[in-house]
Amino acid sequence: MTATTANDQTNPTRADASPISASYPELLGTVAVVTGAGRGMGAVFATELARRGINVVAGDLAGAPEVATQINDELAGAGRVAGRRADVTNPADHDALLRAGLDEFGRVDFWINNAGVFPQAEFTDIPPDQLTSTYQVNVNGVVYGAQTAARHMRANGGGAIVNMASVAGVRVRATRAAYNSSKAAVRHLTACMAVELGSDNIRVNAIAPGFVDTEMTRWVREDPAALDRALRTVPLHRVGAPIEVFGALYFLLSDSARYITGAVIPVDGGSQHV
């Protein structure tokens, strides 16, 4: 499936990949750490933040340095991206991402816990290693990243943390028990962090994407029957685009969201209600 605008009358179910026109000039020159930025949604976040003059430390197990080089070459004169290898299950790697931000840009203002894995298995067949790895990345990785960010932000006047939850945190689908429960944990962790860190002027929110046009959902988009079943649960009757998830992120980092904390913003075409 090729992403086009929602105004494409030949296939109105396609993702609307038209640009997001919002502008928050107060974010120019700020610095964000983005985990899981070597591909997919994280790479989109790094690109779009840099496009808007925000410097980025992009971390991932693989691909982050290459993504950083590509963005810097493409967007010369905009925000700059520093790519680093990082395993989010290792607290020390989060500390290294923070140091990279301070060394490269002299500050870190925002932290986006984006890294995640999406396993599937029948409930009775979930192997111990799948359960362990899912929680290590999707839950522990969020905790470790937020801890590193919060320690720094507490000592430097505050900041904003954004966690990647999912519509899966409130909707149950067969074969996804490990993933769904890990994303439910992220939702609750976001509220816990917001309550504990608010007095330090640290805002903590989450984004809960639904059916979005990414590599993870390619198999659905390439199967007409599966696509039809999926879109029946989306009131807007189309696939979401990564840029639409970015729009929520960009807002949550901005001063327009300065009195918002502990929120989980769904970017799911209304599917959490179906």
Protein backbone atom coordinates (compact mmCIF):
# COMPACT_ATOMS: atom_id res chain seq x y z
CA MET A 1 0.00 0.00 0.00
CA THR A 2 1.31 3.43 -0.90
CA ALA A 3 0.46 6.18 1.56
CA THR A 4 -1.57 9.00 0.05
CA THR A 5 -3.96 11.59 1.34
CA ALA A 6 -7.36 10.73 2.70
CA ASN A 7 -8.82 12.71 -0.22
CA ASP A 8 -7.77 9.97 -2.64
CA GLN A 9 -11.23 8.95 -3.79
CA THR A 10 -9.92 5.81 -5.50
CA ASN A 11 -8.97 4.34 -2.14
CA PRO A 12 -10.22 6.38 0.84
CA THR A 13 -8.95 3.73 3.27
CA ARG A 14 -5.33 4.74 2.67
CA ALA A 15 -3.27 6.61 5.21
CA ASP A 16 -3.24 10.40 5.10
CA ALA A 17 0.47 11.16 4.84
CA SER A 18 0.03 14.87 4.08
CA PRO A 19 2.29 17.17 6.14
CA ILE A 20 1.40 18.33 9.63
CA SER A 21 1.35 22.12 9.49
CA ALA A 22 1.51 22.92 13.23
CA SER A 23 4.46 25.04 14.31
CA TYR A 24 5.85 25.51 17.82
CA PRO A 25 8.75 27.97 17.48
CA GLU A 26 9.56 27.71 21.19
CA LEU A 27 11.00 24.25 20.46
CA LEU A 28 13.73 25.52 18.12
CA GLY A 29 17.15 24.51 19.42
CA THR A 30 15.85 22.12 22.06
CA VAL A 31 17.13 18.54 22.31
CA ALA A 32 15.20 15.26 22.36
CA VAL A 33 16.35 11.69 22.91
CA VAL A 34 14.40 9.15 20.85
CA THR A 35 14.83 5.42 21.46
CA GLY A 36 14.03 2.85 18.80
CA ALA A 37 15.01 5.43 16.19
CA GLY A 38 16.85 3.12 13.82
CA ARG A 39 13.73 2.48 11.75
CA GLY A 40 9.96 2.78 11.67
CA MET A 41 8.15 5.27 13.86
CA GLY A 42 11.29 6.25 15.73
CA ALA A 43 13.07 7.21 12.50
CA VAL A 44 10.02 9.27 11.52
CA PHE A 45 10.12 11.02 14.90
CA ALA A 46 13.83 11.82 14.53
CA THR A 47 13.35 13.11 10.99
CA GLU A 48 10.34 15.28 11.73
CA LEU A 49 11.79 16.73 14.93
CA ALA A 50 15.00 17.64 13.09
CA ARG A 51 12.98 19.12 10.22
CA ARG A 52 11.49 21.53 12.77
CA GLY A 53 14.80 22.63 14.24
CA ILE A 54 14.95 20.25 17.20
CA ASN A 55 18.23 18.41 17.77
CA VAL A 56 17.93 14.66 18.35
CA VAL A 57 19.90 11.84 19.91
CA ALA A 58 18.65 8.75 18.06
CA GLY A 59 19.27 5.46 19.86
CA ASP A 60 18.68 1.89 18.72
CA LEU A 61 20.28 -1.54 18.70
CA ALA A 62 20.98 -1.10 14.98
CA GLY A 63 20.52 1.53 12.31
CA ALA A 64 20.59 4.70 14.39
CA PRO A 65 23.94 6.06 13.10
CA GLU A 66 22.86 5.42 9.51
CA VAL A 67 19.49 7.10 10.06
CA ALA A 68 21.26 10.07 11.64
CA THR A 69 23.60 10.43 8.67
CA GLN A 70 20.71 10.25 6.22
CA ILE A 71 18.68 12.88 8.09
CA ASN A 72 21.64 15.22 8.47
CA ASP A 73 22.41 14.98 4.76
CA GLU A 74 18.79 15.51 3.78
CA LEU A 75 18.02 18.34 6.20
CA ALA A 76 21.25 20.29 6.28
CA GLY A 77 20.65 23.52 8.17
CA ALA A 78 17.77 22.19 10.27
CA GLY A 79 18.08 20.31 13.56
CA ARG A 80 20.95 17.87 13.79
CA VAL A 81 20.75 14.17 14.70
CA ALA A 82 23.38 12.16 16.60
CA GLY A 83 22.95 8.40 16.18
CA ARG A 84 24.07 6.00 18.88
CA ARG A 85 23.77 2.27 19.44
CA ALA A 86 21.62 1.63 22.50
CA ASP A 87 20.03 -1.41 24.13
CA VAL A 88 17.04 -0.08 26.07
CA THR A 89 17.11 -3.08 28.41
CA ASN A 90 20.44 -1.81 29.78
CA PRO A 91 20.15 1.23 32.09
CA ALA A 92 23.74 2.22 31.30
CA ASP A 93 22.86 2.68 27.63
CA HIS A 94 20.21 5.25 28.55
CA ASP A 95 22.82 7.11 30.57
CA ALA A 96 25.08 7.02 27.50
CA LEU A 97 22.31 8.55 25.36
CA LEU A 98 21.96 11.35 27.89
CA ARG A 99 25.71 11.97 27.83
CA ALA A 100 25.63 12.04 24.03
CA GLY A 101 22.98 14.75 24.14
CA LEU A 102 24.97 16.83 26.59
CA ASP A 103 28.24 16.31 24.69
CA GLU A 104 26.77 16.99 21.24
CA PHE A 105 24.22 19.70 22.01
CA GLY A 106 24.82 20.87 25.59
CA ARG A 107 21.33 20.00 26.87
CA VAL A 108 18.53 17.44 26.90
CA ASP A 109 14.96 18.71 27.19
CA PHE A 110 12.78 15.79 26.05
CA TRP A 111 12.86 12.02 26.19
CA ILE A 112 10.76 9.80 23.91
CA ASN A 113 10.57 6.15 24.99
CA ASN A 114 9.68 4.72 21.60
CA ALA A 115 11.56 1.39 21.42
CA GLY A 116 9.31 -1.65 21.43
CA VAL A 117 8.77 -5.20 20.20
CA PHE A 118 5.58 -6.83 18.90
CA PRO A 119 5.52 -10.61 19.49
CA GLN A 120 2.55 -12.87 18.86
CA ALA A 121 1.70 -16.33 20.17
CA GLU A 122 -1.28 -18.28 21.40
CA PHE A 123 -1.60 -17.64 25.12
CA THR A 124 -0.84 -21.23 26.13
CA ASP A 125 2.18 -21.25 23.81
CA ILE A 126 3.89 -18.06 24.97
CA PRO A 127 7.47 -19.16 25.71
CA PRO A 128 9.27 -17.75 28.76
CA ASP A 129 11.86 -15.98 26.62
CA GLN A 130 9.15 -14.13 24.66
CA LEU A 131 7.47 -12.92 27.82
CA THR A 132 10.80 -11.86 29.31
CA SER A 133 12.04 -10.04 26.21
CA THR A 134 8.71 -8.25 25.68
CA TYR A 135 8.64 -6.89 29.19
CA GLN A 136 12.34 -6.07 29.18
CA VAL A 137 11.97 -3.88 26.10
CA ASN A 138 8.42 -2.54 26.33
CA VAL A 139 8.26 -2.00 30.10
CA ASN A 140 11.73 -2.05 31.63
CA GLY A 141 13.08 0.00 28.74
CA VAL A 142 10.50 2.70 29.43
CA VAL A 143 11.31 2.71 33.14
CA TYR A 144 15.08 2.92 32.60
CA GLY A 145 14.77 5.68 30.01
CA ALA A 146 12.39 7.71 32.16
CA GLN A 147 14.63 7.28 35.20
CA THR A 148 17.65 8.63 33.32
CA ALA A 149 15.60 11.50 31.91
CA ALA A 150 13.96 12.37 35.23
CA ARG A 151 17.22 12.51 37.15
CA HIS A 152 18.62 14.93 34.62
CA MET A 153 15.45 17.00 34.30
CA ARG A 154 15.02 17.24 38.08
CA ALA A 155 18.42 18.89 38.32
CA ASN A 156 17.80 21.19 35.35
CA GLY A 157 14.40 22.77 35.85
CA GLY A 158 12.13 20.14 34.31
CA GLY A 159 11.27 18.72 30.92
CA ALA A 160 8.89 16.36 29.16
CA ILE A 161 8.84 12.58 28.75
CA VAL A 162 6.64 10.84 26.19
CA ASN A 163 6.07 7.09 26.30
CA MET A 164 4.75 4.99 23.44
CA ALA A 165 1.71 3.04 24.60
CA SER A 166 -0.79 1.51 22.17
CA VAL A 167 -4.48 0.98 21.60
CA ALA A 168 -3.50 -2.60 22.49
CA GLY A 169 -3.24 -1.45 26.09
CA VAL A 170 -7.05 -1.19 26.28
CA ARG A 171 -8.21 -3.59 23.54
CA VAL A 172 -7.75 -7.34 23.64
CA ARG A 173 -6.74 -9.30 20.57
CA ALA A 174 -5.94 -13.01 20.42
CA THR A 175 -2.27 -14.07 20.24
CA ARG A 176 -1.06 -10.75 21.69
CA ALA A 177 -1.24 -11.26 25.44
CA ALA A 178 2.42 -10.41 26.07
CA TYR A 179 2.33 -7.29 23.90
CA ASN A 180 -1.09 -6.07 25.08
CA SER A 181 -0.26 -6.45 28.75
CA SER A 182 3.09 -4.71 28.30
CA LYS A 183 1.38 -1.70 26.72
CA ALA A 184 -1.24 -1.66 29.49
CA ALA A 185 1.69 -1.42 31.89
CA VAL A 186 3.09 1.55 29.96
CA ARG A 187 -0.23 3.38 30.34
CA HIS A 188 -0.23 2.90 34.10
CA LEU A 189 3.47 3.68 34.43
CA THR A 190 2.84 6.97 32.62
CA ALA A 191 0.29 7.96 35.27
CA CYS A 192 2.62 6.86 38.08
CA MET A 193 5.49 8.90 36.66
CA ALA A 194 3.30 11.96 36.14
CA VAL A 195 2.18 11.94 39.77
CA GLU A 196 5.67 11.44 41.19
CA LEU A 197 7.55 13.80 38.90
CA GLY A 198 5.09 16.68 38.62
CA SER A 199 6.62 18.57 41.53
CA ASP A 200 9.91 18.60 39.58
CA ASN A 201 8.20 20.31 36.61
CA ILE A 202 8.50 17.11 34.60
CA ARG A 203 5.51 16.29 32.42
CA VAL A 204 4.96 12.65 31.47
CA ASN A 205 2.45 11.64 28.82
CA ALA A 206 1.91 8.77 26.42
CA ILE A 207 0.68 8.25 22.87
CA ALA A 208 -1.46 5.23 22.00
CA PRO A 209 -1.35 4.55 18.24
CA GLY A 210 -3.83 2.26 16.58
CA PHE A 211 -3.64 0.81 13.05
CA VAL A 212 -0.81 2.83 11.52
CA ASP A 213 0.97 2.41 8.17
CA THR A 214 4.29 0.93 9.34
CA GLU A 215 6.42 -2.12 8.63
CA MET A 216 4.69 -3.84 11.56
CA THR A 217 1.30 -3.64 9.83
CA ARG A 218 2.45 -4.48 6.29
CA TRP A 219 1.09 -8.03 6.46
CA VAL A 220 -2.40 -6.64 7.19
CA ARG A 221 -2.26 -4.09 4.39
CA GLU A 222 -1.17 -6.76 1.89
CA ASP A 223 -4.07 -9.07 2.78
CA PRO A 224 -7.39 -7.61 1.54
CA ALA A 225 -9.47 -9.74 3.90
CA ALA A 226 -7.33 -8.85 6.91
CA LEU A 227 -7.38 -5.17 5.92
CA ASP A 228 -11.17 -5.22 5.66
CA ARG A 229 -11.49 -6.82 9.11
CA ALA A 230 -9.09 -4.29 10.62
CA LEU A 231 -10.82 -1.26 9.14
CA ARG A 232 -14.20 -2.38 10.47
CA THR A 233 -12.86 -1.54 13.93
CA VAL A 234 -11.70 1.96 12.91
CA PRO A 235 -14.51 4.56 12.92
CA LEU A 236 -12.57 6.79 10.49
CA HIS A 237 -12.31 3.75 8.15
CA ARG A 238 -8.73 4.31 7.12
CA VAL A 239 -5.19 3.50 8.12
CA GLY A 240 -3.27 6.03 10.16
CA ALA A 241 0.03 7.54 9.00
CA PRO A 242 3.22 7.87 11.08
CA ILE A 243 3.12 11.64 10.56
CA GLU A 244 -0.22 11.70 12.39
CA VAL A 245 1.37 10.01 15.39
CA PHE A 246 4.18 12.54 15.18
CA GLY A 247 1.61 15.33 15.32
CA ALA A 248 0.56 14.19 18.79
CA LEU A 249 4.18 13.92 19.90
CA TYR A 250 5.05 17.39 18.61
CA PHE A 251 2.09 18.85 20.50
CA LEU A 252 3.00 17.08 23.75
CA LEU A 253 6.52 18.52 23.65
CA SER A 254 5.27 22.04 23.05
CA ASP A 255 4.21 24.81 25.43
CA SER A 256 0.67 24.26 24.17
CA ALA A 257 0.68 21.11 26.32
CA ARG A 258 2.35 22.70 29.35
CA TYR A 259 -0.59 21.87 31.66
CA ILE A 260 -1.01 18.31 30.38
CA THR A 261 0.57 15.43 32.27
CA GLY A 262 -0.45 11.86 32.91
CA ALA A 263 -2.48 11.79 29.68
CA VAL A 264 -2.60 8.97 27.14
CA ILE A 265 -3.51 10.44 23.76
CA PRO A 266 -5.05 7.91 21.36
CA VAL A 267 -4.06 8.25 17.70
CA ASP A 268 -6.21 5.41 16.48
CA GLY A 269 -9.07 6.70 14.34
CA GLY A 270 -11.42 6.00 17.25
CA SER A 271 -10.72 2.27 17.36
CA GLN A 272 -10.33 2.07 21.15
CA HIS A 273 -14.08 2.61 21.42
CA VAL A 274 -15.10 -0.22 19.09
